[in-house]
Amino acid sequence: SSSSSPYIHPLSSIVLSHLQTHHPTFLTSHSLSPLTLRPDGTFTLGHTSSNISSDPTSPSTSNFIETKWDPSSKKHWLNVKINTKIGSYCLQDNTKPAWHGSKMSSVERIESAVDGMISSNEEAS
């Protein structure tokens, strides 16, 4: 029904709630709004366009954090662009078993990837 809230993928939800709960000043200081939810359950914070300039490090490309699902590789990605720094983190690789090689839960692993991305960007700025 149209009154139900938009679908957000569980992985995207973990990233989003962790950012909003633990890193709100990072989001505001880098102008990472508005929040856009996509039909596949992924999201963008900040302004991305599907036609990001061929050089994403160019200052004309705004800062953003987004999750993306790549159907061909069956991987869920966290993509980040802050100033001239760009990072991509694989949140989930559906070609591997869920518990493959990690003692941490998926939630802990994702939250620690988000924290690492934030701290590497804070050091760079």
Foldseek 3Di string as FASTA:
>chain_A
DVPDDAAADPLQVLLVVLCVPPPVVLCVVQVQDDWDADNVRKIKGRDDDPCCDPQVLPQVNGWMWIWDADVVQRWIWIWTDGNRDIDIDTLDGVVDPLCPPDPDHSSVVSSVVSVVVSVVVVVVD
